[in-house]
All heavy atoms as atom14 arrays in JSON, in Angstrom:
{
  "sequence": "LIKVLLVRVKLIPDLLIAGRNVLLNRFKIIGSLLIEGINVFLVR",
  "atom14_mask": [
    [1, 1, 1, 1, 1, 1, 1, 1, 0, 0, 0, 0, 0, 0],
    [1, 1, 1, 1, 1, 1, 1, 1, 0, 0, 0, 0, 0, 0],
    [1, 1, 1, 1, 1, 1, 1, 1, 1, 0, 0, 0, 0, 0],
    [1, 1, 1, 1, 1, 1, 1, 0, 0, 0, 0, 0, 0, 0],
    [1, 1, 1, 1, 1, 1, 1, 1, 0, 0, 0, 0, 0, 0],
    [1, 1, 1, 1, 1, 1, 1, 1, 0, 0, 0, 0, 0, 0],
    [1, 1, 1, 1, 1, 1, 1, 0, 0, 0, 0, 0, 0, 0],
    [1, 1, 1, 1, 1, 1, 1, 1, 1, 1, 1, 0, 0, 0],
    [1, 1, 1, 1, 1, 1, 1, 0, 0, 0, 0, 0, 0, 0],
    [1, 1, 1, 1, 1, 1, 1, 1, 1, 0, 0, 0, 0, 0],
    [1, 1, 1, 1, 1, 1, 1, 1, 0, 0, 0, 0, 0, 0],
    [1, 1, 1, 1, 1, 1, 1, 1, 0, 0, 0, 0, 0, 0],
    [1, 1, 1, 1, 1, 1, 1, 0, 0, 0, 0, 0, 0, 0],
    [1, 1, 1, 1, 1, 1, 1, 1, 0, 0, 0, 0, 0, 0],
    [1, 1, 1, 1, 1, 1, 1, 1, 0, 0, 0, 0, 0, 0],
    [1, 1, 1, 1, 1, 1, 1, 1, 0, 0, 0, 0, 0, 0],
    [1, 1, 1, 1, 1, 1, 1, 1, 0, 0, 0, 0, 0, 0],
    [1, 1, 1, 1, 1, 0, 0, 0, 0, 0, 0, 0, 0, 0],
    [1, 1, 1, 1, 0, 0, 0, 0, 0, 0, 0, 0, 0, 0],
    [1, 1, 1, 1, 1, 1, 1, 1, 1, 1, 1, 0, 0, 0],
    [1, 1, 1, 1, 1, 1, 1, 1, 0, 0, 0, 0, 0, 0],
    [1, 1, 1, 1, 1, 1, 1, 0, 0, 0, 0, 0, 0, 0],
    [1, 1, 1, 1, 1, 1, 1, 1, 0, 0, 0, 0, 0, 0],
    [1, 1, 1, 1, 1, 1, 1, 1, 0, 0, 0, 0, 0, 0],
    [1, 1, 1, 1, 1, 1, 1, 1, 0, 0, 0, 0, 0, 0],
    [1, 1, 1, 1, 1, 1, 1, 1, 1, 1, 1, 0, 0, 0],
    [1, 1, 1, 1, 1, 1, 1, 1, 1, 1, 1, 0, 0, 0],
    [1, 1, 1, 1, 1, 1, 1, 1, 1, 0, 0, 0, 0, 0],
    [1, 1, 1, 1, 1, 1, 1, 1, 0, 0, 0, 0, 0, 0],
    [1, 1, 1, 1, 1, 1, 1, 1, 0, 0, 0, 0, 0, 0],
    [1, 1, 1, 1, 0, 0, 0, 0, 0, 0, 0, 0, 0, 0],
    [1, 1, 1, 1, 1, 1, 0, 0, 0, 0, 0, 0, 0, 0],
    [1, 1, 1, 1, 1, 1, 1, 1, 0, 0, 0, 0, 0, 0],
    [1, 1, 1, 1, 1, 1, 1, 1, 0, 0, 0, 0, 0, 0],
    [1, 1, 1, 1, 1, 1, 1, 1, 0, 0, 0, 0, 0, 0],
    [1, 1, 1, 1, 1, 1, 1, 1, 1, 0, 0, 0, 0, 0],
    [1, 1, 1, 1, 0, 0, 0, 0, 0, 0, 0, 0, 0, 0],
    [1, 1, 1, 1, 1, 1, 1, 1, 0, 0, 0, 0, 0, 0],
    [1, 1, 1, 1, 1, 1, 1, 1, 0, 0, 0, 0, 0, 0],
    [1, 1, 1, 1, 1, 1, 1, 0, 0, 0, 0, 0, 0, 0],
    [1, 1, 1, 1, 1, 1, 1, 1, 1, 1, 1, 0, 0, 0],
    [1, 1, 1, 1, 1, 1, 1, 1, 0, 0, 0, 0, 0, 0],
    [1, 1, 1, 1, 1, 1, 1, 0, 0, 0, 0, 0, 0, 0],
    [1, 1, 1, 1, 1, 1, 1, 1, 1, 1, 1, 0, 0, 0]
  ],
  "atom14_positions": [
    [[-264.89, -4.42, 92.36], [-264.2, -4.28, 91.08], [-264.25, -2.85, 90.56], [-263.26, -2.33, 90.03], [-264.79, -5.25, 90.06], [-264.44, -6.72, 90.24], [-265.18, -7.56, 89.21], [-262.95, -6.95, 90.14], [0.0, 0.0, 0.0], [0.0, 0.0, 0.0], [0.0, 0.0, 0.0], [0.0, 0.0, 0.0], [0.0, 0.0, 0.0], [0.0, 0.0, 0.0]],
    [[-265.39, -2.21, 90.72], [-265.53, -0.82, 90.27], [-264.59, 0.08, 91.07], [-263.91, 0.95, 90.51], [-266.99, -0.35, 90.39], [-267.84, -1.05, 89.32], [-267.11, 1.16, 90.25], [-269.33, -0.85, 89.47], [0.0, 0.0, 0.0], [0.0, 0.0, 0.0], [0.0, 0.0, 0.0], [0.0, 0.0, 0.0], [0.0, 0.0, 0.0], [0.0, 0.0, 0.0]],
    [[-264.5, -0.16, 92.4], [-263.6, 0.65, 93.22], [-262.15, 0.43, 92.82], [-261.36, 1.38, 92.73], [-263.79, 0.31, 94.69], [-265.07, 0.86, 95.27], [-265.2, 0.51, 96.75], [-266.5, 1.05, 97.3], [-266.67, 0.68, 98.73], [0.0, 0.0, 0.0], [0.0, 0.0, 0.0], [0.0, 0.0, 0.0], [0.0, 0.0, 0.0], [0.0, 0.0, 0.0]],
    [[-261.77, -0.82, 92.54], [-260.4, -1.12, 92.12], [-260.1, -0.45, 90.79], [-259.03, 0.15, 90.6], [-260.19, -2.65, 92.04], [-258.9, -2.98, 91.32], [-260.18, -3.26, 93.44], [0.0, 0.0, 0.0], [0.0, 0.0, 0.0], [0.0, 0.0, 0.0], [0.0, 0.0, 0.0], [0.0, 0.0, 0.0], [0.0, 0.0, 0.0], [0.0, 0.0, 0.0]],
    [[-261.04, -0.52, 89.84], [-260.82, 0.12, 88.55], [-260.71, 1.62, 88.68], [-259.87, 2.26, 88.01], [-261.95, -0.25, 87.58], [-261.93, -1.68, 87.04], [-263.17, -1.94, 86.2], [-260.69, -1.92, 86.21], [0.0, 0.0, 0.0], [0.0, 0.0, 0.0], [0.0, 0.0, 0.0], [0.0, 0.0, 0.0], [0.0, 0.0, 0.0], [0.0, 0.0, 0.0]],
    [[-261.54, 2.23, 89.56], [-261.45, 3.67, 89.74], [-260.1, 4.06, 90.34], [-259.5, 5.06, 89.95], [-262.59, 4.16, 90.65], [-263.97, 4.21, 90.01], [-265.02, 4.6, 91.03], [-263.98, 5.19, 88.86], [0.0, 0.0, 0.0], [0.0, 0.0, 0.0], [0.0, 0.0, 0.0], [0.0, 0.0, 0.0], [0.0, 0.0, 0.0], [0.0, 0.0, 0.0]],
    [[-259.6, 3.26, 91.28], [-258.29, 3.56, 91.86], [-257.21, 3.45, 90.79], [-256.32, 4.29, 90.71], [-258.01, 2.6, 93.05], [-256.56, 2.67, 93.47], [-258.91, 2.95, 94.22], [0.0, 0.0, 0.0], [0.0, 0.0, 0.0], [0.0, 0.0, 0.0], [0.0, 0.0, 0.0], [0.0, 0.0, 0.0], [0.0, 0.0, 0.0], [0.0, 0.0, 0.0]],
    [[-257.3, 2.42, 89.95], [-256.29, 2.27, 88.89], [-256.37, 3.41, 87.9], [-255.35, 3.91, 87.43], [-256.46, 0.93, 88.2], [-256.01, -0.2, 89.07], [-255.82, -1.45, 88.33], [-255.33, -2.48, 89.24], [-255.25, -3.74, 88.96], [-255.62, -4.16, 87.77], [-254.81, -4.6, 89.83], [0.0, 0.0, 0.0], [0.0, 0.0, 0.0], [0.0, 0.0, 0.0]],
    [[-257.58, 3.83, 87.55], [-257.73, 4.95, 86.61], [-257.16, 6.22, 87.22], [-256.56, 7.03, 86.54], [-259.22, 5.11, 86.21], [-259.47, 6.42, 85.51], [-259.65, 3.95, 85.33], [0.0, 0.0, 0.0], [0.0, 0.0, 0.0], [0.0, 0.0, 0.0], [0.0, 0.0, 0.0], [0.0, 0.0, 0.0], [0.0, 0.0, 0.0], [0.0, 0.0, 0.0]],
    [[-257.35, 6.38, 88.53], [-256.79, 7.57, 89.19], [-255.28, 7.47, 89.31], [-254.59, 8.49, 89.33], [-257.4, 7.73, 90.58], [-258.85, 8.17, 90.57], [-259.41, 8.27, 91.97], [-260.88, 8.63, 91.94], [-261.47, 8.63, 93.29], [0.0, 0.0, 0.0], [0.0, 0.0, 0.0], [0.0, 0.0, 0.0], [0.0, 0.0, 0.0], [0.0, 0.0, 0.0]],
    [[-254.73, 6.27, 89.39], [-253.28, 6.1, 89.54], [-252.53, 6.36, 88.24], [-251.39, 6.81, 88.27], [-252.96, 4.69, 90.02], [-253.14, 4.41, 91.5], [-252.84, 2.96, 91.79], [-252.26, 5.3, 92.35], [0.0, 0.0, 0.0], [0.0, 0.0, 0.0], [0.0, 0.0, 0.0], [0.0, 0.0, 0.0], [0.0, 0.0, 0.0], [0.0, 0.0, 0.0]],
    [[-253.17, 6.09, 87.1], [-252.47, 6.23, 85.82], [-251.97, 7.66, 85.59], [-250.8, 7.85, 85.26], [-253.36, 5.73, 84.66], [-253.48, 4.2, 84.74], [-252.81, 6.14, 83.31], [-254.48, 3.61, 83.78], [0.0, 0.0, 0.0], [0.0, 0.0, 0.0], [0.0, 0.0, 0.0], [0.0, 0.0, 0.0], [0.0, 0.0, 0.0], [0.0, 0.0, 0.0]],
    [[-252.8, 8.71, 85.77], [-252.26, 10.06, 85.59], [-251.16, 10.39, 86.59], [-250.17, 11.06, 86.25], [-253.47, 10.97, 85.8], [-254.65, 10.12, 85.57], [-254.25, 8.74, 85.96], [0.0, 0.0, 0.0], [0.0, 0.0, 0.0], [0.0, 0.0, 0.0], [0.0, 0.0, 0.0], [0.0, 0.0, 0.0], [0.0, 0.0, 0.0], [0.0, 0.0, 0.0]],
    [[-251.32, 9.92, 87.84], [-250.26, 10.17, 88.83], [-248.96, 9.52, 88.41], [-247.88, 10.1, 88.56], [-250.69, 9.65, 90.2], [-251.86, 10.43, 90.78], [-252.07, 11.58, 90.33], [-252.56, 9.89, 91.65], [0.0, 0.0, 0.0], [0.0, 0.0, 0.0], [0.0, 0.0, 0.0], [0.0, 0.0, 0.0], [0.0, 0.0, 0.0], [0.0, 0.0, 0.0]],
    [[-249.03, 8.3, 87.89], [-247.82, 7.62, 87.43], [-247.2, 8.34, 86.24], [-245.98, 8.45, 86.13], [-248.13, 6.17, 87.08], [-248.43, 5.25, 88.27], [-248.87, 3.88, 87.76], [-247.23, 5.11, 89.16], [0.0, 0.0, 0.0], [0.0, 0.0, 0.0], [0.0, 0.0, 0.0], [0.0, 0.0, 0.0], [0.0, 0.0, 0.0], [0.0, 0.0, 0.0]],
    [[-248.04, 8.84, 85.33], [-247.53, 9.58, 84.18], [-246.83, 10.85, 84.62], [-245.75, 11.2, 84.12], [-248.66, 9.89, 83.2], [-249.21, 8.71, 82.42], [-250.41, 9.14, 81.59], [-248.15, 8.11, 81.52], [0.0, 0.0, 0.0], [0.0, 0.0, 0.0], [0.0, 0.0, 0.0], [0.0, 0.0, 0.0], [0.0, 0.0, 0.0], [0.0, 0.0, 0.0]],
    [[-247.43, 11.56, 85.58], [-246.83, 12.8, 86.07], [-245.52, 12.5, 86.78], [-244.51, 13.2, 86.6], [-247.81, 13.54, 86.99], [-248.99, 14.08, 86.16], [-247.13, 14.68, 87.74], [-250.13, 14.63, 86.98], [0.0, 0.0, 0.0], [0.0, 0.0, 0.0], [0.0, 0.0, 0.0], [0.0, 0.0, 0.0], [0.0, 0.0, 0.0], [0.0, 0.0, 0.0]],
    [[-245.5, 11.43, 87.58], [-244.27, 11.06, 88.27], [-243.18, 10.66, 87.27], [-242.01, 11.05, 87.43], [-244.53, 9.9, 89.23], [0.0, 0.0, 0.0], [0.0, 0.0, 0.0], [0.0, 0.0, 0.0], [0.0, 0.0, 0.0], [0.0, 0.0, 0.0], [0.0, 0.0, 0.0], [0.0, 0.0, 0.0], [0.0, 0.0, 0.0], [0.0, 0.0, 0.0]],
    [[-243.54, 9.91, 86.23], [-242.57, 9.55, 85.2], [-242.03, 10.76, 84.47], [-240.84, 10.85, 84.18], [0.0, 0.0, 0.0], [0.0, 0.0, 0.0], [0.0, 0.0, 0.0], [0.0, 0.0, 0.0], [0.0, 0.0, 0.0], [0.0, 0.0, 0.0], [0.0, 0.0, 0.0], [0.0, 0.0, 0.0], [0.0, 0.0, 0.0], [0.0, 0.0, 0.0]],
    [[-242.91, 11.72, 84.19], [-242.48, 12.95, 83.53], [-241.52, 13.73, 84.43], [-240.5, 14.25, 83.97], [-243.7, 13.81, 83.19], [-243.36, 15.1, 82.47], [-244.6, 15.93, 82.3], [-245.18, 16.24, 83.6], [-245.16, 17.45, 84.15], [-244.64, 18.46, 83.51], [-245.68, 17.67, 85.33], [0.0, 0.0, 0.0], [0.0, 0.0, 0.0], [0.0, 0.0, 0.0]],
    [[-241.83, 13.79, 85.72], [-240.94, 14.5, 86.65], [-239.58, 13.84, 86.75], [-238.55, 14.52, 86.81], [-241.6, 14.58, 88.04], [-242.77, 15.53, 88.05], [-242.88, 16.39, 87.19], [-243.65, 15.37, 89.01], [0.0, 0.0, 0.0], [0.0, 0.0, 0.0], [0.0, 0.0, 0.0], [0.0, 0.0, 0.0], [0.0, 0.0, 0.0], [0.0, 0.0, 0.0]],
    [[-239.55, 12.51, 86.76], [-238.28, 11.79, 86.79], [-237.48, 12.1, 85.53], [-236.27, 12.35, 85.58], [-238.51, 10.27, 86.94], [-237.25, 9.49, 86.66], [-239.03, 9.95, 88.33], [0.0, 0.0, 0.0], [0.0, 0.0, 0.0], [0.0, 0.0, 0.0], [0.0, 0.0, 0.0], [0.0, 0.0, 0.0], [0.0, 0.0, 0.0], [0.0, 0.0, 0.0]],
    [[-238.15, 12.1, 84.38], [-237.47, 12.39, 83.13], [-236.92, 13.81, 83.12], [-235.76, 14.04, 82.71], [-238.44, 12.18, 81.96], [-237.85, 12.2, 80.57], [-236.88, 11.04, 80.4], [-238.94, 12.11, 79.53], [0.0, 0.0, 0.0], [0.0, 0.0, 0.0], [0.0, 0.0, 0.0], [0.0, 0.0, 0.0], [0.0, 0.0, 0.0], [0.0, 0.0, 0.0]],
    [[-237.71, 14.77, 83.6], [-237.23, 16.16, 83.65], [-236.04, 16.29, 84.6], [-235.08, 17.01, 84.3], [-238.36, 17.09, 84.09], [-239.46, 17.33, 83.05], [-240.56, 18.18, 83.65], [-238.9, 17.99, 81.81], [0.0, 0.0, 0.0], [0.0, 0.0, 0.0], [0.0, 0.0, 0.0], [0.0, 0.0, 0.0], [0.0, 0.0, 0.0], [0.0, 0.0, 0.0]],
    [[-236.1, 15.58, 85.73], [-234.97, 15.64, 86.66], [-233.72, 15.05, 86.04], [-232.61, 15.55, 86.25], [-235.32, 14.92, 87.97], [-236.24, 15.74, 88.84], [-236.29, 16.95, 88.73], [-236.98, 15.07, 89.7], [0.0, 0.0, 0.0], [0.0, 0.0, 0.0], [0.0, 0.0, 0.0], [0.0, 0.0, 0.0], [0.0, 0.0, 0.0], [0.0, 0.0, 0.0]],
    [[-233.88, 13.97, 85.27], [-232.71, 13.4, 84.61], [-232.12, 14.36, 83.6], [-230.9, 14.49, 83.48], [-233.07, 12.07, 83.94], [-233.25, 10.98, 84.94], [-233.31, 9.65, 84.3], [-233.43, 8.62, 85.32], [-233.69, 7.38, 85.09], [-233.88, 6.97, 83.86], [-233.79, 6.51, 86.07], [0.0, 0.0, 0.0], [0.0, 0.0, 0.0], [0.0, 0.0, 0.0]],
    [[-232.98, 15.05, 82.83], [-232.48, 16.04, 81.89], [-231.73, 17.16, 82.63], [-230.69, 17.62, 82.17], [-233.61, 16.64, 81.06], [-234.09, 15.73, 79.97], [-235.44, 15.66, 79.66], [-233.22, 14.94, 79.24], [-235.9, 14.82, 78.65], [-233.66, 14.11, 78.23], [-235.01, 14.05, 77.94], [0.0, 0.0, 0.0], [0.0, 0.0, 0.0], [0.0, 0.0, 0.0]],
    [[-232.28, 17.59, 83.77], [-231.62, 18.64, 84.54], [-230.27, 18.16, 85.05], [-229.28, 18.91, 85.03], [-232.5, 19.07, 85.72], [-233.7, 19.88, 85.33], [-234.54, 20.24, 86.54], [-235.81, 20.97, 86.13], [-236.67, 21.25, 87.3], [0.0, 0.0, 0.0], [0.0, 0.0, 0.0], [0.0, 0.0, 0.0], [0.0, 0.0, 0.0], [0.0, 0.0, 0.0]],
    [[-230.22, 16.91, 85.52], [-228.95, 16.36, 86.02], [-227.94, 16.27, 84.89], [-226.77, 16.65, 85.06], [-229.19, 14.98, 86.68], [-229.94, 15.15, 87.99], [-227.88, 14.26, 86.9], [-230.4, 13.85, 88.6], [0.0, 0.0, 0.0], [0.0, 0.0, 0.0], [0.0, 0.0, 0.0], [0.0, 0.0, 0.0], [0.0, 0.0, 0.0], [0.0, 0.0, 0.0]],
    [[-228.37, 15.79, 83.72], [-227.45, 15.69, 82.58], [-226.95, 17.07, 82.19], [-225.75, 17.27, 81.93], [-228.15, 14.97, 81.4], [-228.34, 13.49, 81.74], [-227.35, 15.12, 80.12], [-229.21, 12.75, 80.74], [0.0, 0.0, 0.0], [0.0, 0.0, 0.0], [0.0, 0.0, 0.0], [0.0, 0.0, 0.0], [0.0, 0.0, 0.0], [0.0, 0.0, 0.0]],
    [[-227.86, 18.05, 82.16], [-227.44, 19.42, 81.82], [-226.46, 19.98, 82.82], [-225.44, 20.6, 82.45], [0.0, 0.0, 0.0], [0.0, 0.0, 0.0], [0.0, 0.0, 0.0], [0.0, 0.0, 0.0], [0.0, 0.0, 0.0], [0.0, 0.0, 0.0], [0.0, 0.0, 0.0], [0.0, 0.0, 0.0], [0.0, 0.0, 0.0], [0.0, 0.0, 0.0]],
    [[-226.73, 19.76, 84.11], [-225.8, 20.29, 85.12], [-224.46, 19.57, 85.07], [-223.41, 20.18, 85.29], [-226.42, 20.18, 86.51], [-226.63, 18.84, 86.86], [0.0, 0.0, 0.0], [0.0, 0.0, 0.0], [0.0, 0.0, 0.0], [0.0, 0.0, 0.0], [0.0, 0.0, 0.0], [0.0, 0.0, 0.0], [0.0, 0.0, 0.0], [0.0, 0.0, 0.0]],
    [[-224.47, 18.26, 84.76], [-223.2, 17.54, 84.62], [-222.41, 18.06, 83.43], [-221.18, 18.19, 83.51], [-223.45, 16.04, 84.49], [-223.88, 15.3, 85.76], [-224.22, 13.86, 85.42], [-222.78, 15.36, 86.79], [0.0, 0.0, 0.0], [0.0, 0.0, 0.0], [0.0, 0.0, 0.0], [0.0, 0.0, 0.0], [0.0, 0.0, 0.0], [0.0, 0.0, 0.0]],
    [[-223.11, 18.37, 82.32], [-222.41, 18.94, 81.17], [-221.8, 20.29, 81.5], [-220.65, 20.59, 81.14], [-223.37, 19.05, 79.98], [-223.72, 17.75, 79.27], [-224.79, 18.01, 78.22], [-222.5, 17.15, 78.63], [0.0, 0.0, 0.0], [0.0, 0.0, 0.0], [0.0, 0.0, 0.0], [0.0, 0.0, 0.0], [0.0, 0.0, 0.0], [0.0, 0.0, 0.0]],
    [[-222.57, 21.11, 82.22], [-222.05, 22.42, 82.59], [-220.86, 22.28, 83.53], [-219.84, 22.97, 83.39], [-223.18, 23.27, 83.24], [-224.21, 23.63, 82.16], [-222.62, 24.52, 83.9], [-225.47, 24.27, 82.7], [0.0, 0.0, 0.0], [0.0, 0.0, 0.0], [0.0, 0.0, 0.0], [0.0, 0.0, 0.0], [0.0, 0.0, 0.0], [0.0, 0.0, 0.0]],
    [[-220.95, 21.34, 84.48], [-219.82, 21.11, 85.39], [-218.59, 20.6, 84.63], [-217.46, 20.99, 84.92], [-220.2, 20.13, 86.5], [-221.13, 20.71, 87.53], [-220.55, 21.92, 88.23], [-219.36, 21.88, 88.57], [-221.29, 22.89, 88.41], [0.0, 0.0, 0.0], [0.0, 0.0, 0.0], [0.0, 0.0, 0.0], [0.0, 0.0, 0.0], [0.0, 0.0, 0.0]],
    [[-218.83, 19.73, 83.65], [-217.72, 19.24, 82.84], [-217.05, 20.36, 82.07], [-215.81, 20.42, 81.99], [0.0, 0.0, 0.0], [0.0, 0.0, 0.0], [0.0, 0.0, 0.0], [0.0, 0.0, 0.0], [0.0, 0.0, 0.0], [0.0, 0.0, 0.0], [0.0, 0.0, 0.0], [0.0, 0.0, 0.0], [0.0, 0.0, 0.0], [0.0, 0.0, 0.0]],
    [[-217.85, 21.25, 81.5], [-217.3, 22.4, 80.78], [-216.53, 23.3, 81.74], [-215.43, 23.78, 81.42], [-218.42, 23.17, 80.06], [-218.98, 22.33, 78.91], [-217.93, 24.52, 79.56], [-220.24, 22.88, 78.29], [0.0, 0.0, 0.0], [0.0, 0.0, 0.0], [0.0, 0.0, 0.0], [0.0, 0.0, 0.0], [0.0, 0.0, 0.0], [0.0, 0.0, 0.0]],
    [[-217.07, 23.51, 82.95], [-216.37, 24.34, 83.94], [-215.04, 23.72, 84.34], [-214.04, 24.43, 84.47], [-217.26, 24.56, 85.17], [-218.41, 25.51, 84.87], [-218.36, 26.28, 83.93], [-219.44, 25.43, 85.68], [0.0, 0.0, 0.0], [0.0, 0.0, 0.0], [0.0, 0.0, 0.0], [0.0, 0.0, 0.0], [0.0, 0.0, 0.0], [0.0, 0.0, 0.0]],
    [[-215.03, 22.42, 84.55], [-213.78, 21.74, 84.9], [-212.77, 21.89, 83.77], [-211.59, 22.15, 84.0], [-214.05, 20.25, 85.24], [-212.75, 19.45, 85.3], [-214.8, 20.13, 86.55], [0.0, 0.0, 0.0], [0.0, 0.0, 0.0], [0.0, 0.0, 0.0], [0.0, 0.0, 0.0], [0.0, 0.0, 0.0], [0.0, 0.0, 0.0], [0.0, 0.0, 0.0]],
    [[-213.23, 21.72, 82.53], [-212.35, 21.87, 81.37], [-211.77, 23.28, 81.3], [-210.57, 23.47, 81.06], [-213.13, 21.52, 80.11], [-212.32, 21.54, 78.86], [-211.33, 20.6, 78.64], [-212.54, 22.51, 77.9], [-210.57, 20.61, 77.49], [-211.79, 22.54, 76.74], [-210.82, 21.59, 76.53], [0.0, 0.0, 0.0], [0.0, 0.0, 0.0], [0.0, 0.0, 0.0]],
    [[-212.65, 24.28, 81.53], [-212.16, 25.67, 81.5], [-211.17, 25.95, 82.63], [-210.17, 26.65, 82.44], [-213.34, 26.64, 81.58], [-214.24, 26.68, 80.35], [-215.43, 27.59, 80.6], [-213.47, 27.16, 79.14], [0.0, 0.0, 0.0], [0.0, 0.0, 0.0], [0.0, 0.0, 0.0], [0.0, 0.0, 0.0], [0.0, 0.0, 0.0], [0.0, 0.0, 0.0]],
    [[-211.42, 25.39, 83.79], [-210.49, 25.57, 84.91], [-209.14, 24.93, 84.58], [-208.08, 25.5, 84.87], [-211.09, 24.98, 86.21], [-210.04, 24.86, 87.3], [-212.24, 25.85, 86.68], [0.0, 0.0, 0.0], [0.0, 0.0, 0.0], [0.0, 0.0, 0.0], [0.0, 0.0, 0.0], [0.0, 0.0, 0.0], [0.0, 0.0, 0.0], [0.0, 0.0, 0.0]],
    [[-209.16, 23.76, 83.95], [-207.9, 23.11, 83.58], [-207.15, 23.93, 82.53], [-205.92, 24.05, 82.58], [-208.16, 21.69, 83.06], [-208.5, 20.75, 84.19], [-208.54, 19.34, 83.74], [-208.84, 18.47, 84.87], [-209.11, 17.21, 84.77], [-209.15, 16.63, 83.58], [-209.37, 16.48, 85.83], [0.0, 0.0, 0.0], [0.0, 0.0, 0.0], [0.0, 0.0, 0.0]]
  ]
}
């Protein structure tokens, strides 16, 4: 039980970091899509 709890405690920060990275990637994708949309509008 102690080993399982230690693994779970170690997994929580990794999961938080992974969730943060996913969120940052989504923001980057949204930003790049907005920039591409503006570029398409300017080209039109």
